Amino acid sequence: RLGTAMGGSAGTTQLPTATQKRDFGLAETGFNQFKGQVEAFYKTLEAYEVALEKAGAPWTPGRKN
């Protein structure tokens, strides 16, 4: 949706159409949902790292020091 909205408004000085505005809004909503999922994933990952550290697990590549 974002690509369609952007492509339709590229090269013009006219305001976005109602359809383009709707598509931008839907793309924003979808991105915000995705962003929330990514943030939740990283919080879970951090919790696992803390648990590994507390359990005395050896360091592994990619894990924080």
PDB file of N, CA and C in Angstrom:
ATOM      1  N   ARG A   1       0.822  -1.195   0.000  1.00  0.00           N
ATOM      2  CA  ARG A   1       0.000   0.000   0.000  1.00  0.00           C
ATOM      3  C   ARG A   1       0.861   1.251   0.000  1.00  0.00           C
ATOM      4  N   LEU A   2       1.920   1.208   0.771  1.00  0.00           N
ATOM      5  CA  LEU A   2       2.781   2.387   0.834  1.00  0.00           C
ATOM      6  C   LEU A   2       3.411   2.667  -0.520  1.00  0.00           C
ATOM      7  N   GLY A   3       3.884   1.617  -1.179  1.00  0.00           N
ATOM      8  CA  GLY A   3       4.498   1.796  -2.496  1.00  0.00           C
ATOM      9  C   GLY A   3       3.523   2.360  -3.504  1.00  0.00           C
ATOM     10  N   THR A   4       2.296   1.887  -3.463  1.00  0.00           N
ATOM     11  CA  THR A   4       1.272   2.381  -4.385  1.00  0.00           C
ATOM     12  C   THR A   4       0.967   3.850  -4.107  1.00  0.00           C
ATOM     13  N   ALA A   5       0.816   4.184  -2.843  1.00  0.00           N
ATOM     14  CA  ALA A   5       0.514   5.570  -2.490  1.00  0.00           C
ATOM     15  C   ALA A   5       1.667   6.492  -2.852  1.00  0.00           C
ATOM     16  N   MET A   6       2.878   6.039  -2.585  1.00  0.00           N
ATOM     17  CA  MET A   6       4.042   6.877  -2.896  1.00  0.00           C
ATOM     18  C   MET A   6       4.228   7.007  -4.401  1.00  0.00           C
ATOM     19  N   GLY A   7       4.077   5.901  -5.107  1.00  0.00           N
ATOM     20  CA  GLY A   7       4.246   5.937  -6.554  1.00  0.00           C
ATOM     21  C   GLY A   7       3.223   6.823  -7.236  1.00  0.00           C
ATOM     22  N   GLY A   8       2.013   6.815  -6.703  1.00  0.00           N
ATOM     23  CA  GLY A   8       0.959   7.635  -7.289  1.00  0.00           C
ATOM     24  C   GLY A   8       1.120   9.115  -7.018  1.00  0.00           C
ATOM     25  N   SER A   9       1.909   9.450  -5.989  1.00  0.00           N
ATOM     26  CA  SER A   9       2.074  10.865  -5.674  1.00  0.00           C
ATOM     27  C   SER A   9       3.440  11.401  -6.097  1.00  0.00           C
ATOM     28  N   ALA A  10       4.301  10.530  -6.590  1.00  0.00           N
ATOM     29  CA  ALA A  10       5.635  10.963  -7.022  1.00  0.00           C
ATOM     30  C   ALA A  10       5.522  11.776  -8.307  1.00  0.00           C
ATOM     31  N   GLY A  11       6.293  12.808  -8.371  1.00  0.00           N
ATOM     32  CA  GLY A  11       6.351  13.609  -9.591  1.00  0.00           C
ATOM     33  C   GLY A  11       5.168  14.544  -9.780  1.00  0.00           C
ATOM     34  N   THR A  12       4.410  14.782  -8.735  1.00  0.00           N
ATOM     35  CA  THR A  12       3.286  15.704  -8.847  1.00  0.00           C
ATOM     36  C   THR A  12       3.290  16.649  -7.652  1.00  0.00           C
ATOM     37  N   THR A  13       2.705  17.790  -7.844  1.00  0.00           N
ATOM     38  CA  THR A  13       2.597  18.750  -6.744  1.00  0.00           C
ATOM     39  C   THR A  13       1.181  18.765  -6.164  1.00  0.00           C
ATOM     40  N   GLN A  14       0.335  17.885  -6.691  1.00  0.00           N
ATOM     41  CA  GLN A  14      -1.032  17.820  -6.184  1.00  0.00           C
ATOM     42  C   GLN A  14      -1.055  17.123  -4.832  1.00  0.00           C
ATOM     43  N   LEU A  15      -2.077  17.437  -4.058  1.00  0.00           N
ATOM     44  CA  LEU A  15      -2.261  16.788  -2.769  1.00  0.00           C
ATOM     45  C   LEU A  15      -2.625  15.330  -2.991  1.00  0.00           C
ATOM     46  N   PRO A  16      -2.328  14.473  -2.006  1.00  0.00           N
ATOM     47  CA  PRO A  16      -2.696  13.070  -2.143  1.00  0.00           C
ATOM     48  C   PRO A  16      -4.208  12.897  -2.252  1.00  0.00           C
ATOM     49  N   THR A  17      -4.607  11.882  -2.993  1.00  0.00           N
ATOM     50  CA  THR A  17      -6.031  11.579  -3.129  1.00  0.00           C
ATOM     51  C   THR A  17      -6.530  10.919  -1.846  1.00  0.00           C
ATOM     52  N   ALA A  18      -7.830  10.770  -1.738  1.00  0.00           N
ATOM     53  CA  ALA A  18      -8.411  10.100  -0.570  1.00  0.00           C
ATOM     54  C   ALA A  18      -7.905   8.659  -0.477  1.00  0.00           C
ATOM     55  N   THR A  19      -7.778   7.999  -1.609  1.00  0.00           N
ATOM     56  CA  THR A  19      -7.271   6.622  -1.620  1.00  0.00           C
ATOM     57  C   THR A  19      -5.826   6.577  -1.143  1.00  0.00           C
ATOM     58  N   GLN A  20      -5.001   7.508  -1.615  1.00  0.00           N
ATOM     59  CA  GLN A  20      -3.604   7.545  -1.177  1.00  0.00           C
ATOM     60  C   GLN A  20      -3.514   7.834   0.323  1.00  0.00           C
ATOM     61  N   LYS A  21      -4.332   8.739   0.817  1.00  0.00           N
ATOM     62  CA  LYS A  21      -4.334   9.036   2.250  1.00  0.00           C
ATOM     63  C   LYS A  21      -4.726   7.796   3.053  1.00  0.00           C
ATOM     64  N   ARG A  22      -5.738   7.081   2.567  1.00  0.00           N
ATOM     65  CA  ARG A  22      -6.166   5.850   3.245  1.00  0.00           C
ATOM     66  C   ARG A  22      -5.030   4.828   3.237  1.00  0.00           C
ATOM     67  N   ASP A  23      -4.370   4.684   2.082  1.00  0.00           N
ATOM     68  CA  ASP A  23      -3.261   3.731   1.977  1.00  0.00           C
ATOM     69  C   ASP A  23      -2.113   4.108   2.904  1.00  0.00           C
ATOM     70  N   PHE A  24      -1.807   5.401   3.005  1.00  0.00           N
ATOM     71  CA  PHE A  24      -0.764   5.839   3.948  1.00  0.00           C
ATOM     72  C   PHE A  24      -1.163   5.487   5.377  1.00  0.00           C
ATOM     73  N   GLY A  25      -2.430   5.712   5.713  1.00  0.00           N
ATOM     74  CA  GLY A  25      -2.920   5.390   7.051  1.00  0.00           C
ATOM     75  C   GLY A  25      -2.842   3.895   7.347  1.00  0.00           C
ATOM     76  N   LEU A  26      -3.237   3.070   6.380  1.00  0.00           N
ATOM     77  CA  LEU A  26      -3.163   1.621   6.566  1.00  0.00           C
ATOM     78  C   LEU A  26      -1.715   1.150   6.700  1.00  0.00           C
ATOM     79  N   ALA A  27      -0.829   1.744   5.909  1.00  0.00           N
ATOM     80  CA  ALA A  27       0.589   1.389   6.003  1.00  0.00           C
ATOM     81  C   ALA A  27       1.145   1.791   7.364  1.00  0.00           C
ATOM     82  N   GLU A  28       0.758   2.935   7.861  1.00  0.00           N
ATOM     83  CA  GLU A  28       1.213   3.385   9.176  1.00  0.00           C
ATOM     84  C   GLU A  28       0.713   2.444  10.275  1.00  0.00           C
ATOM     85  N   THR A  29      -0.544   2.055  10.188  1.00  0.00           N
ATOM     86  CA  THR A  29      -1.114   1.133  11.168  1.00  0.00           C
ATOM     87  C   THR A  29      -0.371  -0.200  11.149  1.00  0.00           C
ATOM     88  N   GLY A  30      -0.146  -0.728   9.958  1.00  0.00           N
ATOM     89  CA  GLY A  30       0.577  -1.992   9.826  1.00  0.00           C
ATOM     90  C   GLY A  30       1.997  -1.893  10.351  1.00  0.00           C
ATOM     91  N   PHE A  31       2.665  -0.787  10.059  1.00  0.00           N
ATOM     92  CA  PHE A  31       4.027  -0.608  10.548  1.00  0.00           C
ATOM     93  C   PHE A  31       4.056  -0.520  12.065  1.00  0.00           C
ATOM     94  N   ASN A  32       3.111   0.199  12.647  1.00  0.00           N
ATOM     95  CA  ASN A  32       3.071   0.329  14.108  1.00  0.00           C
ATOM     96  C   ASN A  32       2.825  -1.018  14.776  1.00  0.00           C
ATOM     97  N   GLN A  33       1.999  -1.865  14.170  1.00  0.00           N
ATOM     98  CA  GLN A  33       1.786  -3.210  14.702  1.00  0.00           C
ATOM     99  C   GLN A  33       3.078  -4.014  14.636  1.00  0.00           C
ATOM    100  N   PHE A  34       3.750  -3.949  13.497  1.00  0.00           N
ATOM    101  CA  PHE A  34       5.023  -4.650  13.318  1.00  0.00           C
ATOM    102  C   PHE A  34       6.057  -4.148  14.320  1.00  0.00           C
ATOM    103  N   LYS A  35       6.123  -2.835  14.490  1.00  0.00           N
ATOM    104  CA  LYS A  35       7.079  -2.246  15.429  1.00  0.00           C
ATOM    105  C   LYS A  35       6.822  -2.744  16.844  1.00  0.00           C
ATOM    106  N   GLY A  36       5.569  -2.838  17.240  1.00  0.00           N
ATOM    107  CA  GLY A  36       5.225  -3.359  18.557  1.00  0.00           C
ATOM    108  C   GLY A  36       5.660  -4.803  18.730  1.00  0.00           C
ATOM    109  N   GLN A  37       5.496  -5.593  17.686  1.00  0.00           N
ATOM    110  CA  GLN A  37       5.921  -6.992  17.737  1.00  0.00           C
ATOM    111  C   GLN A  37       7.435  -7.105  17.863  1.00  0.00           C
ATOM    112  N   VAL A  38       8.152  -6.272  17.148  1.00  0.00           N
ATOM    113  CA  VAL A  38       9.622  -6.290  17.215  1.00  0.00           C
ATOM    114  C   VAL A  38      10.085  -5.864  18.608  1.00  0.00           C
ATOM    115  N   GLU A  39       9.465  -4.819  19.154  1.00  0.00           N
ATOM    116  CA  GLU A  39       9.835  -4.370  20.501  1.00  0.00           C
ATOM    117  C   GLU A  39       9.571  -5.456  21.533  1.00  0.00           C
ATOM    118  N   ALA A  40       8.444  -6.161  21.401  1.00  0.00           N
ATOM    119  CA  ALA A  40       8.115  -7.251  22.327  1.00  0.00           C
ATOM    120  C   ALA A  40       9.130  -8.386  22.190  1.00  0.00           C
ATOM    121  N   PHE A  41       9.541  -8.679  20.968  1.00  0.00           N
ATOM    122  CA  PHE A  41      10.539  -9.717  20.729  1.00  0.00           C
ATOM    123  C   PHE A  41      11.854  -9.375  21.433  1.00  0.00           C
ATOM    124  N   TYR A  42      12.295  -8.136  21.295  1.00  0.00           N
ATOM    125  CA  TYR A  42      13.570  -7.753  21.911  1.00  0.00           C
ATOM    126  C   TYR A  42      13.485  -7.750  23.436  1.00  0.00           C
ATOM    127  N   LYS A  43      12.337  -7.403  23.986  1.00  0.00           N
ATOM    128  CA  LYS A  43      12.176  -7.477  25.443  1.00  0.00           C
ATOM    129  C   LYS A  43      12.261  -8.926  25.906  1.00  0.00           C
ATOM    130  N   THR A  44      11.632  -9.826  25.159  1.00  0.00           N
ATOM    131  CA  THR A  44      11.694 -11.252  25.483  1.00  0.00           C
ATOM    132  C   THR A  44      13.126 -11.759  25.358  1.00  0.00           C
ATOM    133  N   LEU A  45      13.816 -11.340  24.310  1.00  0.00           N
ATOM    134  CA  LEU A  45      15.205 -11.751  24.109  1.00  0.00           C
ATOM    135  C   LEU A  45      16.080 -11.268  25.260  1.00  0.00           C
ATOM    136  N   GLU A  46      15.882 -10.036  25.689  1.00  0.00           N
ATOM    137  CA  GLU A  46      16.651  -9.508  26.816  1.00  0.00           C
ATOM    138  C   GLU A  46      16.383 -10.310  28.084  1.00  0.00           C
ATOM    139  N   ALA A  47      15.135 -10.709  28.295  1.00  0.00           N
ATOM    140  CA  ALA A  47      14.794 -11.517  29.469  1.00  0.00           C
ATOM    141  C   ALA A  47      15.498 -12.870  29.414  1.00  0.00           C
ATOM    142  N   TYR A  48      15.567 -13.468  28.219  1.00  0.00           N
ATOM    143  CA  TYR A  48      16.283 -14.733  28.063  1.00  0.00           C
ATOM    144  C   TYR A  48      17.766 -14.558  28.360  1.00  0.00           C
ATOM    145  N   GLU A  49      18.331 -13.461  27.889  1.00  0.00           N
ATOM    146  CA  GLU A  49      19.749 -13.213  28.135  1.00  0.00           C
ATOM    147  C   GLU A  49      20.031 -13.063  29.626  1.00  0.00           C
ATOM    148  N   VAL A  50      19.157 -12.375  30.334  1.00  0.00           N
ATOM    149  CA  VAL A  50      19.305 -12.227  31.785  1.00  0.00           C
ATOM    150  C   VAL A  50      19.198 -13.595  32.456  1.00  0.00           C
ATOM    151  N   ALA A  51      18.236 -14.393  32.033  1.00  0.00           N
ATOM    152  CA  ALA A  51      18.065 -15.729  32.611  1.00  0.00           C
ATOM    153  C   ALA A  51      19.290 -16.603  32.339  1.00  0.00           C
ATOM    154  N   LEU A  52      19.847 -16.516  31.139  1.00  0.00           N
ATOM    155  CA  LEU A  52      21.053 -17.286  30.819  1.00  0.00           C
ATOM    156  C   LEU A  52      22.222 -16.866  31.697  1.00  0.00           C
ATOM    157  N   GLU A  53      22.351 -15.570  31.871  1.00  0.00           N
ATOM    158  CA  GLU A  53      23.432 -15.043  32.699  1.00  0.00           C
ATOM    159  C   GLU A  53      23.286 -15.529  34.143  1.00  0.00           C
ATOM    160  N   LYS A  54      22.071 -15.444  34.680  1.00  0.00           N
ATOM    161  CA  LYS A  54      21.820 -15.881  36.056  1.00  0.00           C
ATOM    162  C   LYS A  54      22.052 -17.382  36.219  1.00  0.00           C
ATOM    163  N   ALA A  55      21.775 -18.148  35.172  1.00  0.00           N
ATOM    164  CA  ALA A  55      21.945 -19.603  35.230  1.00  0.00           C
ATOM    165  C   ALA A  55      23.404 -20.013  35.062  1.00  0.00           C
ATOM    166  N   GLY A  56      24.261 -19.032  34.734  1.00  0.00           N
ATOM    167  CA  GLY A  56      25.677 -19.324  34.571  1.00  0.00           C
ATOM    168  C   GLY A  56      26.037 -19.920  33.220  1.00  0.00           C
ATOM    169  N   ALA A  57      25.173 -19.705  32.247  1.00  0.00           N
ATOM    170  CA  ALA A  57      25.453 -20.222  30.898  1.00  0.00           C
ATOM    171  C   ALA A  57      26.698 -19.538  30.327  1.00  0.00           C
ATOM    172  N   PRO A  58      27.508 -20.292  29.587  1.00  0.00           N
ATOM    173  CA  PRO A  58      28.696 -19.673  28.982  1.00  0.00           C
ATOM    174  C   PRO A  58      28.295 -18.642  27.923  1.00  0.00           C
ATOM    175  N   TRP A  59      29.183 -17.695  27.712  1.00  0.00           N
ATOM    176  CA  TRP A  59      28.937 -16.658  26.720  1.00  0.00           C
ATOM    177  C   TRP A  59      28.855 -17.306  25.343  1.00  0.00           C
ATOM    178  N   THR A  60      27.979 -16.786  24.512  1.00  0.00           N
ATOM    179  CA  THR A  60      27.846 -17.254  23.127  1.00  0.00           C
ATOM    180  C   THR A  60      27.956 -16.058  22.195  1.00  0.00           C
ATOM    181  N   PRO A  61      28.473 -16.285  20.979  1.00  0.00           N
ATOM    182  CA  PRO A  61      28.615 -15.174  20.039  1.00  0.00           C
ATOM    183  C   PRO A  61      27.286 -14.456  19.808  1.00  0.00           C
ATOM    184  N   GLY A  62      27.340 -13.134  19.800  1.00  0.00           N
ATOM    185  CA  GLY A  62      26.160 -12.316  19.569  1.00  0.00           C
ATOM    186  C   GLY A  62      25.450 -11.906  20.843  1.00  0.00           C
ATOM    187  N   ARG A  63      25.817 -12.549  21.947  1.00  0.00           N
ATOM    188  CA  ARG A  63      25.189 -12.207  23.208  1.00  0.00           C
ATOM    189  C   ARG A  63      25.934 -11.038  23.844  1.00  0.00           C
ATOM    190  N   LYS A  64      25.196 -10.181  24.552  1.00  0.00           N
ATOM    191  CA  LYS A  64      25.828  -9.040  25.203  1.00  0.00           C
ATOM    192  C   LYS A  64      26.809  -9.518  26.250  1.00  0.00           C
ATOM    193  N   ASN A  65      27.838  -8.719  26.453  1.00  0.00           N
ATOM    194  CA  ASN A  65      28.825  -9.067  27.495  1.00  0.00           C
ATOM    195  C   ASN A  65      28.330  -8.690  28.859  1.00  0.00           C
TER     196      ASN A  65
END
